Amino acid sequence: MTELNKTKNQTWKSIVLFLGILTILSAICYYAILKLNPTSIYIGALMMCPAIASFITLKLMKRSITSLPWSLKNTKYLKLSYVLPVSYIAISYLLIWVFGFGTLGNQDTITSWSHELGMTEFNTPIIVITMIVLLAIVGVVKNIGSTLGEEIGWRGFFVFELRKVLPFGSTSILSGLIWSIWHWPILWLIYNGSGQLFFHIAAFTIMIVAISVIMTYYTFKSNSLWPAALFHSVHNIFIQKVFTPMTTSNESSSFWIDEYGFMIPIVASIFAIVFWRKARKENL
């Protein structure tokens, strides 16, 4: 057996080992989420599973945890990883508001924010601006603690292993598909019995694969897991804490808004095509 074949076999072994360990760890967390109680502590444990699986895999393969891409030489990729998710989310919700799939301004959210901030006597613009600024800074930084658990595994370990045996495009799509499938039990919990489960799984999967292309691009360009951790955090905060709460829903909203509707997947896919072409031109 040639040295190249040995290296490929070792790589595939590490990939299979990682996915096997991740499946076992995630199954335990999903049992707690689905059968006991879907509390944040169990979901937090689930988000740590990719990191733990990568650490165990490295240990079993007799590789050091320091071999993961912990450093960051160029901070421009952090800036870009902040701006990009805000851009495709903002464009998506602007289209949602323009086409009437939801309406900007949710009084229940504004009231809730005013009480949370202790600003019940302030006017609406000040309340909204204050909360968005706090979420954009404090919320994003705080949330990195959770997204880092995923990104150490997915972008810090998994995509670098896949890239040893697959081209950029296949690495992005395969990692995105597996990352999406890993989330499917959560969608089952949310939408089972609604008659819309497969629709929302399809929308979510398209979105995840699309942003996987972008995140993988920035991961390889920076040779670091930190841009992906920031990107993931910004994505979560601006969808879950800013734009969706600020949108008043109507009868068509569930098909278009949030991570499980189709507007963000459509816009994110357009962004992904751009980054796919960039990666090809740059022989990434």
Protein backbone atom coordinates (compact mmCIF):
# COMPACT_ATOMS: atom_id res chain seq x y z
CA MET A 1 0.00 0.00 0.00
CA THR A 2 1.37 3.40 -0.98
CA GLU A 3 1.90 6.15 1.57
CA LEU A 4 -0.88 8.18 -0.08
CA ASN A 5 -3.37 5.33 0.28
CA LYS A 6 -2.36 4.86 3.90
CA THR A 7 -2.98 8.54 4.57
CA LYS A 8 -6.39 8.40 2.89
CA ASN A 9 -7.36 5.32 4.84
CA GLN A 10 -6.36 7.02 8.09
CA THR A 11 -8.37 10.06 7.13
CA TRP A 12 -11.50 8.05 6.37
CA LYS A 13 -10.99 6.15 9.59
CA SER A 14 -10.91 9.40 11.56
CA ILE A 15 -14.02 10.64 9.74
CA VAL A 16 -16.01 7.48 10.45
CA LEU A 17 -14.76 7.42 14.04
CA PHE A 18 -15.79 11.05 14.57
CA LEU A 19 -19.27 10.47 13.15
CA GLY A 20 -19.72 7.29 15.17
CA ILE A 21 -18.75 8.94 18.46
CA LEU A 22 -20.85 11.99 17.61
CA THR A 23 -23.88 9.77 16.95
CA ILE A 24 -23.55 8.05 20.32
CA LEU A 25 -23.08 11.29 22.27
CA SER A 26 -25.87 13.06 20.39
CA ALA A 27 -28.27 10.15 20.88
CA ILE A 28 -27.89 10.52 24.64
CA CYS A 29 -28.63 14.25 24.46
CA TYR A 30 -31.53 13.76 22.07
CA TYR A 31 -33.04 11.18 24.42
CA ALA A 32 -32.97 13.82 27.16
CA ILE A 33 -34.39 16.50 24.84
CA LEU A 34 -37.14 14.39 23.28
CA LYS A 35 -38.08 12.10 26.16
CA LEU A 36 -37.33 14.11 29.29
CA ASN A 37 -37.55 17.86 28.72
CA PRO A 38 -36.23 20.11 25.91
CA THR A 39 -34.46 22.46 28.31
CA SER A 40 -31.58 24.72 27.36
CA ILE A 41 -29.13 22.67 29.45
CA TYR A 42 -29.77 19.56 27.35
CA ILE A 43 -29.59 21.56 24.12
CA GLY A 44 -26.34 23.10 25.35
CA ALA A 45 -24.98 19.61 25.98
CA LEU A 46 -25.99 18.61 22.45
CA MET A 47 -24.10 21.57 21.01
CA MET A 48 -20.97 20.43 22.84
CA CYS A 49 -21.11 16.96 21.26
CA PRO A 50 -19.20 17.80 18.03
CA ALA A 51 -16.31 19.28 20.03
CA ILE A 52 -16.18 16.33 22.43
CA ALA A 53 -16.39 13.86 19.54
CA SER A 54 -13.47 15.58 17.80
CA PHE A 55 -11.36 15.53 20.99
CA ILE A 56 -12.03 11.82 21.53
CA THR A 57 -11.29 11.06 17.87
CA LEU A 58 -7.98 12.90 18.02
CA LYS A 59 -7.06 11.05 21.20
CA LEU A 60 -7.86 7.66 19.68
CA MET A 61 -5.97 8.55 16.49
CA LYS A 62 -3.01 9.63 18.66
CA ARG A 63 -3.16 13.21 17.44
CA SER A 64 -2.95 16.32 19.57
CA ILE A 65 -5.89 18.63 20.27
CA THR A 66 -3.46 21.46 19.52
CA SER A 67 -3.50 20.28 15.89
CA LEU A 68 -6.92 21.90 15.51
CA PRO A 69 -6.89 25.37 13.88
CA TRP A 70 -7.09 27.42 17.09
CA SER A 71 -5.08 30.43 15.92
CA LEU A 72 -6.25 33.33 13.76
CA LYS A 73 -3.73 35.35 11.80
CA ASN A 74 -6.04 37.69 9.92
CA THR A 75 -8.94 39.33 11.75
CA LYS A 76 -10.59 40.44 8.50
CA TYR A 77 -12.25 37.02 8.36
CA LEU A 78 -13.91 37.71 11.71
CA LYS A 79 -15.29 40.98 10.33
CA LEU A 80 -16.56 39.26 7.19
CA SER A 81 -18.05 36.43 9.23
CA TYR A 82 -20.06 39.00 11.14
CA VAL A 83 -21.20 41.03 8.16
CA LEU A 84 -22.21 38.11 5.88
CA PRO A 85 -24.91 36.50 8.03
CA VAL A 86 -26.35 39.90 8.96
CA SER A 87 -26.50 40.69 5.22
CA TYR A 88 -28.37 37.61 3.99
CA ILE A 89 -30.72 37.66 7.00
CA ALA A 90 -31.50 41.37 6.57
CA ILE A 91 -32.13 40.93 2.83
CA SER A 92 -34.37 37.92 3.52
CA TYR A 93 -36.52 39.76 6.03
CA LEU A 94 -36.69 42.88 3.88
CA LEU A 95 -38.15 40.70 1.12
CA ILE A 96 -40.52 39.08 3.63
CA TRP A 97 -41.82 42.50 4.70
CA VAL A 98 -42.03 43.83 1.13
CA PHE A 99 -43.99 40.82 -0.16
CA GLY A 100 -46.27 40.74 2.87
CA PHE A 101 -45.19 37.40 4.32
CA GLY A 102 -44.84 39.19 7.63
CA THR A 103 -44.88 42.75 8.94
CA LEU A 104 -42.04 44.73 10.52
CA GLY A 105 -42.85 45.56 14.12
CA ASN A 106 -44.20 43.21 16.75
CA GLN A 107 -45.69 45.03 19.71
CA ASP A 108 -45.51 41.96 21.96
CA THR A 109 -41.76 41.77 21.34
CA ILE A 110 -41.28 45.48 21.96
CA THR A 111 -43.24 45.27 25.20
CA SER A 112 -41.22 42.26 26.30
CA TRP A 113 -37.96 44.05 25.48
CA SER A 114 -39.04 47.16 27.40
CA HIS A 115 -39.67 45.10 30.54
CA GLU A 116 -36.46 43.10 30.10
CA LEU A 117 -34.42 46.29 29.79
CA GLY A 118 -36.32 48.15 32.51
CA MET A 119 -37.21 50.82 29.95
CA THR A 120 -41.01 50.78 30.10
CA GLU A 121 -41.12 54.59 30.12
CA PHE A 122 -38.95 54.98 27.01
CA ASN A 123 -40.26 55.35 23.46
CA THR A 124 -40.20 52.45 20.99
CA PRO A 125 -37.20 53.48 18.81
CA ILE A 126 -34.92 53.81 21.84
CA ILE A 127 -36.04 50.44 23.19
CA VAL A 128 -35.55 48.69 19.84
CA ILE A 129 -32.15 50.29 19.14
CA THR A 130 -30.89 49.54 22.65
CA MET A 131 -31.92 45.88 22.50
CA ILE A 132 -30.55 45.30 19.01
CA VAL A 133 -27.19 46.87 19.92
CA LEU A 134 -26.97 44.74 23.07
CA LEU A 135 -27.92 41.57 21.19
CA ALA A 136 -25.49 42.40 18.37
CA ILE A 137 -22.60 42.72 20.83
CA VAL A 138 -23.32 41.04 24.16
CA GLY A 139 -25.71 38.46 22.73
CA VAL A 140 -23.32 37.40 19.97
CA VAL A 141 -20.29 37.13 22.29
CA LYS A 142 -22.28 35.22 24.89
CA ASN A 143 -23.69 32.85 22.26
CA ILE A 144 -20.20 31.99 20.95
CA GLY A 145 -19.84 29.83 24.05
CA SER A 146 -22.52 27.57 22.58
CA THR A 147 -21.66 27.74 18.88
CA LEU A 148 -17.99 27.04 19.62
CA GLY A 149 -19.00 23.58 20.87
CA GLU A 150 -20.35 22.83 17.41
CA GLU A 151 -17.70 24.61 15.38
CA ILE A 152 -14.71 22.94 17.03
CA GLY A 153 -16.15 19.71 15.68
CA TRP A 154 -17.72 20.71 12.37
CA ARG A 155 -15.35 23.36 11.03
CA GLY A 156 -12.35 22.86 13.31
CA PHE A 157 -12.06 19.12 12.69
CA PHE A 158 -14.58 17.63 10.26
CA VAL A 159 -14.17 19.87 7.19
CA PHE A 160 -10.37 19.70 7.40
CA GLU A 161 -10.53 15.90 7.44
CA LEU A 162 -12.97 15.83 4.51
CA ARG A 163 -10.78 18.25 2.54
CA LYS A 164 -7.92 15.73 2.67
CA VAL A 165 -9.95 13.32 0.52
CA LEU A 166 -12.59 15.49 -1.21
CA PRO A 167 -12.62 18.77 -3.20
CA PHE A 168 -13.99 21.98 -1.69
CA GLY A 169 -17.47 21.62 -3.18
CA SER A 170 -17.99 18.06 -1.97
CA THR A 171 -16.57 18.95 1.43
CA SER A 172 -19.00 21.87 1.80
CA ILE A 173 -22.07 19.93 0.67
CA LEU A 174 -21.35 16.71 2.54
CA SER A 175 -20.49 18.50 5.78
CA GLY A 176 -23.57 20.69 5.37
CA LEU A 177 -25.87 17.70 4.79
CA ILE A 178 -24.53 15.83 7.81
CA TRP A 179 -24.70 18.97 9.94
CA SER A 180 -28.32 19.41 8.86
CA ILE A 181 -29.29 15.78 9.51
CA TRP A 182 -27.78 16.12 12.97
CA HIS A 183 -30.41 18.83 13.65
CA TRP A 184 -33.40 16.93 12.25
CA PRO A 185 -34.64 15.52 15.59
CA ILE A 186 -35.12 19.12 16.78
CA LEU A 187 -37.30 19.84 13.75
CA TRP A 188 -39.26 16.66 14.46
CA LEU A 189 -39.84 17.93 17.98
CA ILE A 190 -41.09 21.30 16.69
CA TYR A 191 -43.16 20.26 13.68
CA ASN A 192 -44.22 16.62 14.17
CA GLY A 193 -47.98 16.37 13.69
CA SER A 194 -48.21 19.77 12.00
CA GLY A 195 -48.37 18.36 8.48
CA GLN A 196 -45.43 20.58 7.53
CA LEU A 197 -42.53 18.55 8.89
CA PHE A 198 -40.95 17.60 5.56
CA PHE A 199 -41.38 21.10 4.16
CA HIS A 200 -39.50 22.64 7.08
CA ILE A 201 -36.82 19.92 7.01
CA ALA A 202 -36.25 20.69 3.31
CA ALA A 203 -36.05 24.45 3.90
CA PHE A 204 -33.71 24.06 6.86
CA THR A 205 -31.46 21.61 4.99
CA ILE A 206 -31.10 23.93 2.00
CA MET A 207 -30.20 26.80 4.33
CA ILE A 208 -27.64 24.74 6.27
CA VAL A 209 -25.94 23.47 3.11
CA ALA A 210 -25.82 27.02 1.71
CA ILE A 211 -24.25 28.57 4.79
CA SER A 212 -21.93 25.57 5.05
CA VAL A 213 -20.39 26.62 1.73
CA ILE A 214 -19.75 30.13 3.06
CA MET A 215 -18.49 28.99 6.47
CA THR A 216 -16.20 26.38 4.91
CA TYR A 217 -14.78 29.02 2.59
CA TYR A 218 -13.93 31.34 5.48
CA THR A 219 -12.59 28.44 7.53
CA PHE A 220 -10.12 27.44 4.83
CA LYS A 221 -9.18 31.00 3.93
CA SER A 222 -8.44 31.87 7.56
CA ASN A 223 -7.17 28.41 8.51
CA SER A 224 -9.07 28.93 11.75
CA LEU A 225 -12.28 27.77 13.44
CA TRP A 226 -13.01 31.20 14.98
CA PRO A 227 -14.69 32.83 11.93
CA ALA A 228 -17.15 29.91 11.78
CA ALA A 229 -17.89 30.17 15.50
CA LEU A 230 -18.62 33.89 15.13
CA PHE A 231 -20.61 33.38 11.91
CA HIS A 232 -22.75 30.71 13.59
CA SER A 233 -23.40 32.92 16.62
CA VAL A 234 -24.35 35.96 14.52
CA HIS A 235 -26.64 33.79 12.38
CA ASN A 236 -28.45 32.45 15.46
CA ILE A 237 -28.79 35.78 17.26
CA PHE A 238 -30.03 37.85 14.33
CA ILE A 239 -32.61 35.27 13.25
CA GLN A 240 -33.78 33.98 16.62
CA LYS A 241 -33.46 37.13 18.74
CA VAL A 242 -33.81 40.07 16.33
CA PHE A 243 -35.54 39.64 12.97
CA THR A 244 -38.03 36.85 13.70
CA PRO A 245 -39.21 38.38 17.01
CA MET A 246 -39.54 41.78 15.32
CA THR A 247 -41.79 40.33 12.60
CA THR A 248 -45.55 40.05 13.05
CA SER A 249 -46.71 36.80 11.44
CA ASN A 250 -49.67 36.13 9.17
CA GLU A 251 -51.13 32.99 7.57
CA SER A 252 -48.24 32.60 5.10
CA SER A 253 -45.40 33.45 7.48
CA SER A 254 -44.51 29.90 8.53
CA PHE A 255 -43.61 29.09 4.91
CA TRP A 256 -41.20 32.02 4.62
CA ILE A 257 -39.79 33.32 7.92
CA ASP A 258 -37.24 32.02 10.38
CA GLU A 259 -34.69 29.23 9.80
CA TYR A 260 -37.45 26.82 8.81
CA GLY A 261 -39.12 28.90 6.11
CA PHE A 262 -37.87 29.30 2.55
CA MET A 263 -36.78 32.94 2.25
CA ILE A 264 -33.46 32.65 4.09
CA PRO A 265 -32.53 29.42 2.23
CA ILE A 266 -33.18 31.14 -1.11
CA VAL A 267 -31.12 34.23 -0.31
CA ALA A 268 -28.36 32.25 1.44
CA SER A 269 -28.13 29.93 -1.59
CA ILE A 270 -27.44 32.92 -3.86
CA PHE A 271 -24.65 33.97 -1.50
CA ALA A 272 -23.36 30.38 -1.47
CA ILE A 273 -23.11 30.28 -5.27
CA VAL A 274 -20.90 33.37 -5.16
CA PHE A 275 -18.59 31.78 -2.61
CA TRP A 276 -18.56 28.47 -4.47
CA ARG A 277 -17.30 30.28 -7.57
CA LYS A 278 -14.75 32.21 -5.51
CA ALA A 279 -13.43 28.95 -4.09
CA ARG A 280 -13.10 27.45 -7.59
CA LYS A 281 -11.24 30.50 -8.91
CA GLU A 282 -8.90 30.43 -5.94
CA ASN A 283 -8.37 26.65 -6.14
CA LEU A 284 -9.37 26.40 -2.51
